[in-house]
Amino acid sequence: MQQWMLYTKRADFNEISARFLILPYTARIMVNRDIKEDEMEMFLRPDIGALHSPYLLEGIKEAALFLKNKILSNKSILIVGDYDIDGVCSTYIYYSALKKLGACVDYVIPDRIKDGYGINKSIINEAAYRGIDTVLTCDNGISAFEALSYGKSLGLNIIVTDHHEVFKDENGQDRLPEADIVIDPKKSTCTYPYKEICGAMVAYKLVKALYGLYGIEESEVFTEFEDFVSIATVGDVMPLRDENRIILKQSLKRLKNTKNIGLLKLIEVCSLNSKQITSFDIGFIIGPCINAGGRLESAETALRLFISDKEDEAVNLALHLKELNDERKALTLKNFNIAVEQVEKLYLNDKILVVYLKDCHESLAGIIAGRLRERYYKPVFVLTDTQEGTLKGSGRSIENYDMFKGLCSADIYLLKYGGHKMAAGLSLEREKLEQFRKYLNENCTLSEDDLKEKIWIDIALPFSYITIDFLKELELLEPFGAGNAKPAFAGRDIEILSARVFGSERNVVKLKVKGSDGFVIDALVFTDGDKFIKECQEYKYMSAVFYPQINDYMGRKNIELIIRHYKFTGN
């Protein structure tokens, strides 16, 4: 169920408009995003020079000096990454940088099925056997208490770099893993100005400090790694605010001409090289291809692609990742349909959905959980079988439910868990599944109002205000994504003049509509076309939430609306 809500935040929009040379509507949208007036200039016109100093991250200086000493001493360094997009990009940043500095360096990315998330005893044993001097984690390690304690007992040097939530002890103090240095902006003692950064951004900061010790120009660090920080930021769904926004906005201008051969070939096989790449392209095309390796095969496939300096090899690896992603999409759809059937039959009244998919590839659990969350607007956990006979899965949450806290409270039912407010991973014994489901629902404080998806509308916008100049100004607010939602406009008493269905799956409806101010405009709705047309025959008017865009076809530009939500209202 949806609840349409209009923002009513107040400010002197005309004064903001005059000060920043923007339209009052643009000012209103920024206020709706809780962007303070002293942040607006940087939001509108990001400056790469405003990135925070790496030395504000607690432990960075010590880690950079530590690594330089190991490089100069020719000591072996092992990077331990993670199998998702952030882990792959973080590993690439460290490996590429340390290789450039002459380090004796290697990497390992845990296998999603065999190893599970993060560094473990098996990886520690292998490192010790190989005579590794220093283990450097990225995008993992903050919760690897047992493995890292074991590593220290074997005499390994360990540097943890992570960005995930820090566990607390019974006194509410940070519980940190045993390591020589722990870098994580979420540490309570870390005063870094912006804590919502991804693992690749943490890696970038450490490399920036390390390069500084070698006298390498700051601009060289940015040019070399900006694309991978940006991809990881979008792929790991970090808020597009502060320095996340700064680095992404700069990167998007140049991404299709990246100097990394592997990334360039991936962009080409995804047919993105003829257009300006957007955050949407990263989140829904490039990112899933990178993740597909870690889901169905090995994350090292994507890493080898980025490391490759041979064009033929890069093309083959890029094509393989795209094929894996196509396979992943088919498997996802099949298991999503099974999950929907299960929810509809058994758990429709539960406030927290816990779904068990017996034959589902465990790497798909998070994707399916996300889609179920979108369909039912409830917190969702999707669990699958492991080779060890236990259950493993992922969760995706809604705004009013802190998933990580929910798992912490259910600790007695779980073998392992981690994550943050909106997403988490977990494992448990099969026989505890029903207890886990029952506990979560019996201890859930979500109200019926919490379970109504709130569609926030920025402005009730007359069609006559939608001009090319207005749409050009909206580009100042890009890139859109987590923490900076694409603006939502709305209209009521919209007259439907015509409607036609397009697409091989008949899932696109082309409309011609007239606003309440008499202006006529084209619109698109992506939905079940035949169902829409049938309902449309009974109504003449609709209310709609939309975003306007410029349709540039054969050199002719015209404005059209992309309708995201609609309600038929009268005949």
Protein backbone atom coordinates (compact mmCIF):
# COMPACT_ATOMS: atom_id res chain seq x y z
CA MET A 1 0.00 0.00 0.00
CA GLN A 2 1.27 3.47 -0.88
CA GLN A 3 0.81 6.79 0.81
CA TRP A 4 1.56 9.87 -1.29
CA MET A 5 3.15 12.62 0.77
CA LEU A 6 3.97 16.19 -0.28
CA TYR A 7 7.03 17.79 1.29
CA THR A 8 6.12 20.92 3.27
CA LYS A 9 9.57 22.03 4.41
CA ARG A 10 9.89 25.78 4.67
CA ALA A 11 12.61 28.18 3.58
CA ASP A 12 12.99 31.43 1.68
CA PHE A 13 13.16 29.77 -1.72
CA ASN A 14 13.32 33.06 -3.61
CA GLU A 15 16.31 34.22 -1.55
CA ILE A 16 18.08 30.86 -2.12
CA SER A 17 17.23 31.14 -5.80
CA ALA A 18 18.82 34.59 -6.07
CA ARG A 19 21.91 33.65 -4.06
CA PHE A 20 22.77 30.48 -5.99
CA LEU A 21 21.40 31.54 -9.40
CA ILE A 22 18.88 28.74 -9.60
CA LEU A 23 15.11 28.46 -9.95
CA PRO A 24 13.00 28.52 -6.78
CA TYR A 25 11.83 24.99 -7.61
CA THR A 26 15.43 23.77 -7.61
CA ALA A 27 15.94 25.45 -4.24
CA ARG A 28 12.84 23.72 -2.90
CA ILE A 29 14.10 20.31 -4.00
CA MET A 30 17.43 20.82 -2.22
CA VAL A 31 15.67 21.91 0.97
CA ASN A 32 13.51 18.78 0.68
CA ARG A 33 16.76 16.75 0.66
CA ASP A 34 17.84 18.45 3.91
CA ILE A 35 20.74 20.16 2.16
CA LYS A 36 21.77 23.08 4.35
CA GLU A 37 22.37 26.49 2.80
CA ASP A 38 26.07 26.37 3.62
CA GLU A 39 26.28 23.06 1.67
CA MET A 40 24.35 24.16 -1.40
CA GLU A 41 27.17 25.69 -3.42
CA MET A 42 29.23 22.50 -3.11
CA PHE A 43 26.17 20.38 -3.87
CA LEU A 44 25.41 22.33 -7.05
CA ARG A 45 29.00 22.73 -8.20
CA PRO A 46 31.14 20.00 -6.58
CA ASP A 47 34.86 20.70 -6.23
CA ILE A 48 37.26 17.78 -6.08
CA GLY A 49 39.49 19.87 -3.84
CA ALA A 50 36.87 19.57 -1.11
CA LEU A 51 37.48 15.85 -0.55
CA HIS A 52 38.35 15.21 3.09
CA SER A 53 41.97 14.63 4.01
CA PRO A 54 42.79 10.92 4.40
CA TYR A 55 44.59 11.74 7.63
CA LEU A 56 41.25 12.44 9.28
CA LEU A 57 40.61 8.69 9.19
CA GLU A 58 42.00 7.23 12.41
CA GLY A 59 44.93 4.92 11.70
CA ILE A 60 45.64 6.05 8.12
CA LYS A 61 48.99 7.68 8.85
CA GLU A 62 50.20 4.66 10.82
CA ALA A 63 49.00 2.24 8.12
CA ALA A 64 50.69 4.18 5.31
CA LEU A 65 54.02 4.24 7.18
CA PHE A 66 53.61 0.56 8.06
CA LEU A 67 53.04 -0.43 4.43
CA LYS A 68 55.89 1.72 3.13
CA ASN A 69 58.22 -0.02 5.57
CA LYS A 70 57.04 -3.43 4.34
CA ILE A 71 57.50 -2.40 0.72
CA LEU A 72 61.03 -1.13 1.31
CA SER A 73 61.84 -4.30 3.29
CA ASN A 74 60.46 -6.45 0.45
CA LYS A 75 58.04 -8.14 2.84
CA SER A 76 55.11 -9.99 1.31
CA ILE A 77 51.65 -8.42 1.57
CA LEU A 78 48.38 -10.30 1.04
CA ILE A 79 45.22 -8.33 0.25
CA VAL A 80 42.03 -10.02 1.42
CA GLY A 81 38.98 -8.56 -0.31
CA ASP A 82 35.32 -9.44 -0.63
CA TYR A 83 33.31 -10.97 -3.46
CA ASP A 84 30.95 -8.04 -4.08
CA ILE A 85 31.44 -4.93 -6.19
CA ASP A 86 32.91 -2.89 -3.33
CA GLY A 87 35.29 -5.67 -2.36
CA VAL A 88 36.47 -6.17 -5.94
CA CYS A 89 37.06 -2.44 -6.49
CA SER A 90 38.83 -2.10 -3.11
CA THR A 91 41.09 -5.04 -3.90
CA TYR A 92 41.90 -3.59 -7.31
CA ILE A 93 42.83 -0.22 -5.80
CA TYR A 94 45.19 -1.77 -3.25
CA TYR A 95 46.72 -4.29 -5.65
CA SER A 96 47.28 -1.80 -8.45
CA ALA A 97 48.76 0.83 -6.11
CA LEU A 98 51.05 -1.55 -4.22
CA LYS A 99 52.29 -3.11 -7.46
CA LYS A 100 53.10 0.35 -8.77
CA LEU A 101 55.14 1.05 -5.63
CA GLY A 102 57.14 -2.14 -6.09
CA ALA A 103 55.54 -4.17 -3.32
CA CYS A 104 55.66 -7.94 -3.13
CA VAL A 105 51.89 -8.24 -3.14
CA ASP A 106 49.19 -10.78 -3.89
CA TYR A 107 45.45 -10.96 -3.32
CA VAL A 108 42.73 -13.42 -2.40
CA ILE A 109 38.98 -12.94 -2.56
CA PRO A 110 36.96 -15.45 -0.51
CA ASP A 111 34.71 -17.76 -2.47
CA ARG A 112 31.10 -16.89 -1.70
CA ILE A 113 30.08 -20.55 -1.33
CA LYS A 114 33.20 -22.22 0.05
CA ASP A 115 34.52 -19.44 2.28
CA GLY A 116 31.58 -17.16 2.97
CA TYR A 117 31.96 -13.50 3.80
CA GLY A 118 35.31 -12.05 4.84
CA ILE A 119 38.63 -13.35 6.03
CA ASN A 120 38.61 -16.75 7.77
CA LYS A 121 40.95 -19.30 9.34
CA SER A 122 41.50 -21.11 6.05
CA ILE A 123 42.82 -17.93 4.44
CA ILE A 124 44.96 -17.25 7.52
CA ASN A 125 46.44 -20.75 7.39
CA GLU A 126 47.26 -20.37 3.71
CA ALA A 127 48.89 -17.00 4.35
CA ALA A 128 51.02 -18.41 7.16
CA TYR A 129 52.00 -21.42 5.02
CA ARG A 130 53.13 -19.11 2.20
CA GLY A 131 55.20 -17.00 4.57
CA ILE A 132 53.07 -13.86 4.15
CA ASP A 133 54.28 -11.04 6.40
CA THR A 134 51.28 -8.68 6.34
CA VAL A 135 47.58 -9.22 5.71
CA LEU A 136 45.63 -6.18 4.49
CA THR A 137 41.83 -6.50 4.48
CA CYS A 138 39.46 -4.33 2.49
CA ASP A 139 35.70 -4.09 2.77
CA ASN A 140 35.81 -6.73 5.52
CA GLY A 141 37.55 -7.64 8.75
CA ILE A 142 35.82 -5.46 11.33
CA SER A 143 33.85 -8.47 12.64
CA ALA A 144 36.43 -11.22 11.97
CA PHE A 145 37.33 -11.64 15.65
CA GLU A 146 38.20 -15.34 15.61
CA ALA A 147 40.11 -15.38 12.33
CA LEU A 148 42.23 -12.33 13.09
CA SER A 149 42.99 -13.44 16.64
CA TYR A 150 44.19 -16.70 15.13
CA GLY A 151 46.25 -14.79 12.57
CA LYS A 152 48.00 -12.80 15.27
CA SER A 153 48.75 -16.00 17.18
CA LEU A 154 50.60 -17.22 14.09
CA GLY A 155 52.69 -14.05 13.99
CA LEU A 156 51.02 -12.31 11.05
CA ASN A 157 50.93 -8.51 10.82
CA ILE A 158 47.36 -7.42 10.14
CA ILE A 159 45.82 -4.16 8.91
CA VAL A 160 42.04 -4.03 8.78
CA THR A 161 40.36 -1.50 6.51
CA ASP A 162 36.58 -1.67 6.49
CA HIS A 163 33.49 0.55 6.52
CA HIS A 164 30.86 -1.71 8.08
CA GLU A 165 29.23 -1.22 11.46
CA VAL A 166 31.40 -1.87 14.50
CA PHE A 167 30.16 -4.41 17.02
CA LYS A 168 29.68 -3.26 20.62
CA ASP A 169 30.51 -5.12 23.83
CA GLU A 170 28.18 -5.42 26.84
CA ASN A 171 29.27 -1.96 28.00
CA GLY A 172 28.49 -0.33 24.68
CA GLN A 173 32.17 0.05 23.78
CA ASP A 174 33.61 -0.79 20.36
CA ARG A 175 34.55 -4.42 20.04
CA LEU A 176 37.45 -4.43 17.59
CA PRO A 177 39.25 -7.39 16.04
CA GLU A 178 42.82 -8.16 17.07
CA ALA A 179 45.03 -6.39 14.53
CA ASP A 180 48.00 -4.04 14.34
CA ILE A 181 45.86 -1.26 12.85
CA VAL A 182 42.09 -1.01 12.41
CA ILE A 183 40.71 1.64 10.05
CA ASP A 184 36.95 2.07 9.92
CA PRO A 185 35.08 5.40 9.86
CA LYS A 186 32.36 3.78 12.01
CA LYS A 187 34.72 3.42 14.99
CA SER A 188 33.46 5.59 17.85
CA THR A 189 36.94 7.08 18.28
CA CYS A 190 37.22 8.04 14.60
CA THR A 191 36.28 11.69 13.97
CA TYR A 192 36.19 11.47 10.16
CA PRO A 193 33.74 14.17 8.94
CA TYR A 194 31.66 11.85 6.75
CA LYS A 195 31.28 8.26 7.86
CA GLU A 196 29.00 6.89 5.11
CA ILE A 197 31.75 5.88 2.70
CA CYS A 198 32.36 2.52 1.04
CA GLY A 199 35.32 0.19 1.39
CA ALA A 200 36.80 1.41 -1.88
CA MET A 201 36.78 4.99 -0.60
CA VAL A 202 38.65 3.85 2.53
CA ALA A 203 41.17 2.07 0.29
CA TYR A 204 41.50 5.18 -1.87
CA LYS A 205 42.24 7.28 1.23
CA LEU A 206 44.96 4.89 2.41
CA VAL A 207 46.53 4.78 -1.05
CA LYS A 208 46.40 8.57 -1.21
CA ALA A 209 48.35 8.76 2.07
CA LEU A 210 50.78 6.08 0.90
CA TYR A 211 51.36 7.77 -2.46
CA GLY A 212 52.01 10.99 -0.55
CA LEU A 213 54.91 9.31 1.24
CA TYR A 214 56.42 8.56 -2.18
CA GLY A 215 55.87 12.10 -3.48
CA ILE A 216 53.25 11.06 -6.05
CA GLU A 217 50.90 13.88 -7.05
CA GLU A 218 47.41 13.82 -5.57
CA SER A 219 45.86 14.31 -9.03
CA GLU A 220 47.50 11.08 -10.20
CA VAL A 221 45.83 9.12 -7.41
CA PHE A 222 42.45 10.56 -8.31
CA THR A 223 42.80 9.90 -12.05
CA GLU A 224 43.97 6.34 -11.44
CA PHE A 225 41.22 5.25 -9.04
CA GLU A 226 38.25 7.64 -9.23
CA ASP A 227 36.25 5.33 -11.50
CA PHE A 228 36.53 2.40 -9.12
CA VAL A 229 35.62 4.45 -6.05
CA SER A 230 32.55 5.75 -7.93
CA ILE A 231 31.44 2.31 -9.10
CA ALA A 232 31.83 0.90 -5.60
CA THR A 233 29.98 3.85 -4.06
CA VAL A 234 26.95 3.31 -6.29
CA GLY A 235 27.18 -0.49 -6.20
CA ASP A 236 27.31 -0.58 -2.39
CA VAL A 237 24.37 1.88 -2.23
CA MET A 238 26.22 4.59 -0.31
CA PRO A 239 24.44 7.94 0.14
CA LEU A 240 25.29 10.28 -2.73
CA ARG A 241 26.16 13.14 -0.45
CA ASP A 242 29.31 14.91 0.70
CA GLU A 243 32.48 13.45 -0.85
CA ASN A 244 30.61 10.46 -2.33
CA ARG A 245 28.73 12.91 -4.53
CA ILE A 246 31.84 14.93 -5.34
CA ILE A 247 33.88 12.01 -6.63
CA LEU A 248 30.97 10.38 -8.48
CA LYS A 249 29.96 13.57 -10.27
CA GLN A 250 33.53 14.09 -11.46
CA SER A 251 33.91 10.46 -12.52
CA LEU A 252 30.70 10.27 -14.55
CA LYS A 253 32.00 12.96 -16.89
CA ARG A 254 34.87 10.72 -17.96
CA LEU A 255 33.82 7.16 -17.20
CA LYS A 256 33.10 6.03 -20.77
CA ASN A 257 36.66 7.07 -21.68
CA THR A 258 38.28 5.39 -18.67
CA LYS A 259 41.96 4.57 -18.99
CA ASN A 260 41.44 1.10 -17.49
CA ILE A 261 41.29 -1.33 -20.41
CA GLY A 262 39.16 -3.90 -18.62
CA LEU A 263 36.56 -1.41 -17.45
CA LEU A 264 36.50 0.18 -20.90
CA LYS A 265 35.77 -3.20 -22.52
CA LEU A 266 33.02 -3.94 -20.00
CA ILE A 267 31.42 -0.59 -20.86
CA GLU A 268 31.64 -1.48 -24.55
CA VAL A 269 30.12 -4.98 -24.29
CA CYS A 270 27.28 -3.44 -22.26
CA SER A 271 26.72 -0.97 -25.17
CA LEU A 272 27.25 2.07 -22.96
CA ASN A 273 30.16 3.63 -24.86
CA SER A 274 27.95 5.78 -27.09
CA LYS A 275 26.27 7.74 -24.29
CA GLN A 276 26.95 9.69 -21.14
CA ILE A 277 27.11 7.10 -18.38
CA THR A 278 24.83 7.72 -15.40
CA SER A 279 24.61 6.39 -11.87
CA PHE A 280 21.70 4.26 -13.12
CA ASP A 281 24.01 2.59 -15.65
CA ILE A 282 26.48 1.79 -12.89
CA GLY A 283 23.84 0.49 -10.50
CA PHE A 284 21.83 -1.60 -12.98
CA ILE A 285 24.21 -2.54 -15.83
CA ILE A 286 27.92 -2.26 -14.99
CA GLY A 287 27.64 -3.16 -11.31
CA PRO A 288 25.57 -6.34 -11.78
CA CYS A 289 28.09 -7.62 -14.35
CA ILE A 290 30.94 -7.11 -11.87
CA ASN A 291 28.92 -8.82 -9.14
CA ALA A 292 27.92 -11.72 -11.41
CA GLY A 293 31.41 -13.22 -11.21
CA GLY A 294 31.29 -13.43 -7.43
CA ARG A 295 27.71 -14.74 -7.48
CA LEU A 296 27.97 -17.60 -9.97
CA GLU A 297 31.68 -18.25 -10.42
CA SER A 298 34.49 -16.23 -8.83
CA ALA A 299 34.88 -12.55 -8.01
CA GLU A 300 38.45 -12.84 -9.21
CA THR A 301 37.08 -12.89 -12.78
CA ALA A 302 36.16 -9.21 -12.48
CA LEU A 303 39.43 -8.44 -10.71
CA ARG A 304 41.43 -10.09 -13.50
CA LEU A 305 39.47 -7.97 -15.97
CA PHE A 306 40.51 -4.74 -14.25
CA ILE A 307 44.14 -5.83 -13.85
CA SER A 308 44.44 -6.96 -17.47
CA ASP A 309 46.53 -4.86 -19.86
CA LYS A 310 45.80 -7.06 -22.91
CA GLU A 311 42.86 -6.01 -25.07
CA ASP A 312 41.88 -9.50 -26.29
CA GLU A 313 41.94 -10.92 -22.77
CA ALA A 314 39.91 -7.98 -21.46
CA VAL A 315 37.25 -8.41 -24.18
CA ASN A 316 36.87 -12.11 -23.39
CA LEU A 317 36.61 -11.50 -19.64
CA ALA A 318 34.10 -8.67 -20.14
CA LEU A 319 31.93 -10.84 -22.40
CA HIS A 320 32.08 -13.69 -19.88
CA LEU A 321 30.91 -11.41 -17.06
CA LYS A 322 28.01 -10.19 -19.19
CA GLU A 323 27.02 -13.80 -19.96
CA LEU A 324 27.16 -14.66 -16.27
CA ASN A 325 24.93 -11.70 -15.50
CA ASP A 326 22.39 -12.79 -18.11
CA GLU A 327 22.34 -16.23 -16.48
CA ARG A 328 21.99 -14.61 -13.05
CA LYS A 329 18.97 -12.58 -14.22
CA ALA A 330 17.16 -15.71 -15.45
CA LEU A 331 17.81 -17.58 -12.19
CA THR A 332 16.71 -14.56 -10.17
CA LEU A 333 13.37 -14.31 -11.96
CA LYS A 334 12.68 -18.03 -11.50
CA ASN A 335 13.38 -17.97 -7.75
CA PHE A 336 11.61 -14.65 -7.22
CA ASN A 337 8.41 -16.16 -8.59
CA ILE A 338 8.78 -19.12 -6.21
CA ALA A 339 9.33 -16.72 -3.30
CA VAL A 340 6.21 -14.70 -4.17
CA GLU A 341 4.12 -17.86 -4.27
CA GLN A 342 5.46 -18.85 -0.83
CA VAL A 343 4.76 -15.43 0.70
CA GLU A 344 1.24 -15.26 -0.75
CA LYS A 345 0.42 -18.73 0.54
CA LEU A 346 2.06 -18.70 3.99
CA TYR A 347 3.38 -15.38 5.24
CA LEU A 348 1.28 -12.57 3.83
CA ASN A 349 0.27 -11.37 7.31
CA ASP A 350 3.82 -11.39 8.72
CA LYS A 351 5.36 -7.96 9.25
CA ILE A 352 8.86 -9.35 8.70
CA LEU A 353 9.16 -11.85 5.87
CA VAL A 354 11.52 -14.80 6.30
CA VAL A 355 11.59 -16.85 3.10
CA TYR A 356 13.38 -20.17 2.63
CA LEU A 357 14.25 -21.12 -0.97
CA LYS A 358 15.48 -24.70 -1.01
CA ASP A 359 17.20 -24.88 -4.40
CA CYS A 360 18.16 -21.25 -4.86
CA HIS A 361 21.80 -20.30 -5.46
CA GLU A 362 22.77 -18.54 -2.23
CA SER A 363 24.32 -15.63 -4.10
CA LEU A 364 20.87 -14.58 -5.31
CA ALA A 365 19.34 -14.25 -1.83
CA GLY A 366 20.08 -10.53 -1.47
CA ILE A 367 18.68 -9.64 -4.89
CA ILE A 368 15.48 -11.60 -4.27
CA ALA A 369 15.13 -10.09 -0.80
CA GLY A 370 15.37 -6.63 -2.36
CA ARG A 371 12.67 -7.39 -4.90
CA LEU A 372 10.37 -8.85 -2.27
CA ARG A 373 10.94 -5.74 -0.17
CA GLU A 374 9.86 -3.60 -3.12
CA ARG A 375 6.78 -5.73 -3.78
CA TYR A 376 5.49 -5.98 -0.22
CA TYR A 377 7.25 -3.04 1.47
CA LYS A 378 8.30 -5.15 4.44
CA PRO A 379 11.70 -6.16 5.85
CA VAL A 380 12.71 -9.40 4.11
CA PHE A 381 15.19 -12.19 4.83
CA VAL A 382 15.81 -14.80 2.13
CA LEU A 383 17.58 -17.99 3.24
CA THR A 384 19.06 -20.84 1.22
CA ASP A 385 20.91 -24.08 1.91
CA THR A 386 24.68 -24.30 2.30
CA GLN A 387 26.98 -27.24 1.62
CA GLU A 388 27.47 -27.61 5.38
CA GLY A 389 23.77 -28.22 5.96
CA THR A 390 23.05 -24.85 7.55
CA LEU A 391 21.06 -21.94 6.17
CA LYS A 392 22.59 -18.74 4.87
CA GLY A 393 20.99 -15.64 3.52
CA SER A 394 20.58 -11.91 3.14
CA GLY A 395 18.12 -9.33 4.32
CA ARG A 396 16.84 -6.04 2.93
CA SER A 397 14.93 -3.58 5.06
CA ILE A 398 12.57 -0.62 4.98
CA GLU A 399 13.15 2.83 6.41
CA ASN A 400 11.49 2.22 9.78
CA TYR A 401 13.23 -1.06 10.64
CA ASP A 402 16.89 -1.28 11.68
CA MET A 403 17.82 -4.70 10.34
CA PHE A 404 21.20 -4.91 12.05
CA LYS A 405 19.67 -4.16 15.45
CA GLY A 406 16.97 -6.72 14.74
CA LEU A 407 19.60 -9.39 14.14
CA CYS A 408 21.52 -8.36 17.25
CA SER A 409 18.39 -8.94 19.33
CA ALA A 410 17.96 -12.39 17.72
CA ASP A 411 21.59 -13.31 18.35
CA ILE A 412 20.76 -16.59 20.16
CA TYR A 413 19.24 -18.07 16.98
CA LEU A 414 22.13 -17.17 14.68
CA LEU A 415 25.53 -18.62 13.87
CA LYS A 416 26.89 -15.49 12.24
CA TYR A 417 25.56 -12.14 11.09
CA GLY A 418 26.59 -8.64 10.10
CA GLY A 419 25.49 -5.61 8.13
CA HIS A 420 23.77 -2.30 8.76
CA LYS A 421 20.33 -0.70 9.06
CA MET A 422 19.09 -1.43 5.56
CA ALA A 423 20.85 -4.69 4.67
CA ALA A 424 22.41 -7.65 6.41
CA GLY A 425 23.80 -11.15 6.00
CA LEU A 426 23.22 -14.08 8.33
CA SER A 427 23.51 -17.84 8.86
CA LEU A 428 21.69 -20.19 11.21
CA GLU A 429 20.95 -23.84 11.88
CA ARG A 430 18.12 -25.20 9.76
CA GLU A 431 16.12 -26.32 12.80
CA LYS A 432 16.09 -22.77 14.18
CA LEU A 433 14.42 -21.25 11.12
CA GLU A 434 10.89 -21.22 12.50
CA GLN A 435 12.08 -19.94 15.90
CA PHE A 436 13.93 -17.14 14.15
CA ARG A 437 10.89 -16.19 12.06
CA LYS A 438 8.60 -16.33 15.09
CA TYR A 439 10.96 -14.28 17.27
CA LEU A 440 11.35 -11.50 14.71
CA ASN A 441 7.62 -11.14 14.20
CA GLU A 442 6.63 -11.42 17.86
CA ASN A 443 9.18 -8.79 18.84
CA CYS A 444 8.52 -6.49 15.89
CA THR A 445 7.30 -2.99 16.77
CA LEU A 446 6.41 -1.97 13.22
CA SER A 447 2.99 -0.34 12.98
CA GLU A 448 0.63 -0.58 10.03
CA ASP A 449 1.61 2.97 9.14
CA ASP A 450 5.29 1.96 9.09
CA LEU A 451 4.40 -0.66 6.49
CA LYS A 452 2.88 1.87 4.11
CA GLU A 453 5.40 2.88 1.49
CA LYS A 454 5.61 6.64 1.52
CA ILE A 455 5.98 8.21 -1.91
CA TRP A 456 7.44 11.65 -1.26
CA ILE A 457 6.52 14.33 -3.75
CA ASP A 458 8.72 17.39 -4.12
CA ILE A 459 6.41 19.69 -6.03
CA ALA A 460 2.90 19.68 -7.51
CA LEU A 461 4.08 20.82 -10.92
CA PRO A 462 1.88 22.35 -13.65
CA PHE A 463 2.76 21.03 -17.09
CA SER A 464 3.31 24.58 -18.37
CA TYR A 465 6.36 24.90 -16.07
CA ILE A 466 8.11 21.93 -17.69
CA THR A 467 10.53 23.48 -20.17
CA ILE A 468 13.88 22.48 -21.67
CA ASP A 469 15.60 25.10 -19.49
CA PHE A 470 13.96 23.68 -16.38
CA LEU A 471 15.14 20.16 -17.24
CA LYS A 472 18.66 21.42 -17.92
CA GLU A 473 18.72 22.98 -14.46
CA LEU A 474 17.59 19.71 -12.86
CA GLU A 475 20.85 18.22 -14.16
CA LEU A 476 22.64 20.29 -11.49
CA LEU A 477 21.07 17.98 -8.91
CA GLU A 478 22.45 14.80 -10.51
CA PRO A 479 23.69 12.17 -9.90
CA PHE A 480 20.63 10.65 -8.28
CA GLY A 481 20.62 7.63 -6.03
CA ALA A 482 20.74 6.73 -2.35
CA GLY A 483 20.62 9.88 -0.21
CA ASN A 484 19.73 12.05 -3.21
CA ALA A 485 16.55 10.65 -4.70
CA LYS A 486 15.50 11.72 -8.17
CA PRO A 487 12.94 14.55 -7.77
CA ALA A 488 9.32 13.48 -7.80
CA PHE A 489 6.71 15.79 -9.31
CA ALA A 490 2.98 15.28 -9.26
CA GLY A 491 -0.19 16.37 -10.93
CA ARG A 492 -3.88 15.70 -10.44
CA ASP A 493 -6.89 15.89 -12.74
CA ILE A 494 -4.68 14.82 -15.63
CA GLU A 495 -6.84 14.01 -18.65
CA ILE A 496 -5.89 10.89 -20.64
CA LEU A 497 -6.22 11.80 -24.32
CA SER A 498 -4.77 8.60 -25.81
CA ALA A 499 -2.99 5.42 -24.74
CA ARG A 500 -1.10 2.78 -26.75
CA VAL A 501 0.89 -0.29 -25.66
CA PHE A 502 4.42 -0.96 -26.93
CA GLY A 503 7.22 -3.45 -26.33
CA SER A 504 7.70 -7.15 -27.04
CA GLU A 505 6.39 -7.89 -23.55
CA ARG A 506 3.66 -5.23 -23.85
CA ASN A 507 5.00 -3.47 -20.77
CA VAL A 508 5.27 0.10 -22.07
CA VAL A 509 2.29 2.44 -22.37
CA LYS A 510 2.65 5.61 -24.44
CA LEU A 511 0.20 8.31 -23.35
CA LYS A 512 -0.81 11.74 -24.48
CA VAL A 513 -2.13 13.63 -21.48
CA LYS A 514 -3.47 17.10 -20.71
CA GLY A 515 -2.63 18.83 -17.44
CA SER A 516 -5.12 20.74 -15.34
CA ASP A 517 -3.59 23.93 -16.83
CA GLY A 518 -4.50 22.79 -20.36
CA PHE A 519 -0.97 21.92 -21.54
CA VAL A 520 -0.62 18.65 -23.49
CA ILE A 521 2.42 16.43 -23.14
CA ASP A 522 3.59 12.89 -23.97
CA ALA A 523 4.13 10.37 -21.18
CA LEU A 524 5.38 6.81 -20.66
CA VAL A 525 4.28 4.25 -18.06
CA PHE A 526 6.25 1.03 -17.57
CA THR A 527 3.66 -1.45 -16.37
CA ASP A 528 1.41 -4.29 -17.52
CA GLY A 529 0.20 -2.56 -20.67
CA ASP A 530 -2.93 -4.60 -21.31
CA LYS A 531 -4.06 -4.25 -17.70
CA PHE A 532 -3.48 -0.49 -17.86
CA ILE A 533 -5.49 -0.12 -21.08
CA LYS A 534 -8.37 -2.15 -19.63
CA GLU A 535 -8.51 0.02 -16.50
CA CYS A 536 -7.98 3.16 -18.54
CA GLN A 537 -11.18 2.49 -20.52
CA GLU A 538 -13.18 3.05 -17.35
CA TYR A 539 -11.53 6.36 -16.48
CA LYS A 540 -10.79 9.66 -18.14
CA TYR A 541 -8.56 11.23 -15.51
CA MET A 542 -5.61 10.23 -13.35
CA SER A 543 -3.27 11.55 -10.67
CA ALA A 544 0.40 10.82 -11.30
CA VAL A 545 3.86 11.06 -9.79
CA PHE A 546 6.37 11.66 -12.57
CA TYR A 547 9.78 12.88 -13.66
CA PRO A 548 10.12 14.83 -16.92
CA GLN A 549 12.91 14.12 -19.38
CA ILE A 550 14.10 15.19 -22.81
CA ASN A 551 13.51 12.62 -25.56
CA ASP A 552 16.12 13.21 -28.26
CA TYR A 553 15.05 11.13 -31.27
CA MET A 554 16.56 11.64 -34.73
CA GLY A 555 17.76 15.07 -33.71
CA ARG A 556 14.31 16.18 -32.57
CA LYS A 557 13.95 17.05 -28.89
CA ASN A 558 10.68 16.93 -27.08
CA ILE A 559 9.66 16.63 -23.45
CA GLU A 560 8.01 13.54 -22.07
CA LEU A 561 6.99 12.40 -18.61
CA ILE A 562 8.09 9.14 -17.04
CA ILE A 563 5.15 8.23 -14.81
CA ARG A 564 6.32 6.28 -11.76
CA HIS A 565 3.04 5.98 -9.86
CA TYR A 566 -0.53 6.62 -10.88
CA LYS A 567 -4.11 6.47 -9.63
CA PHE A 568 -7.15 6.61 -11.89
CA THR A 569 -9.48 9.23 -10.50
CA GLY A 570 -12.61 9.84 -12.59
CA ASN A 571 -14.51 9.44 -15.81
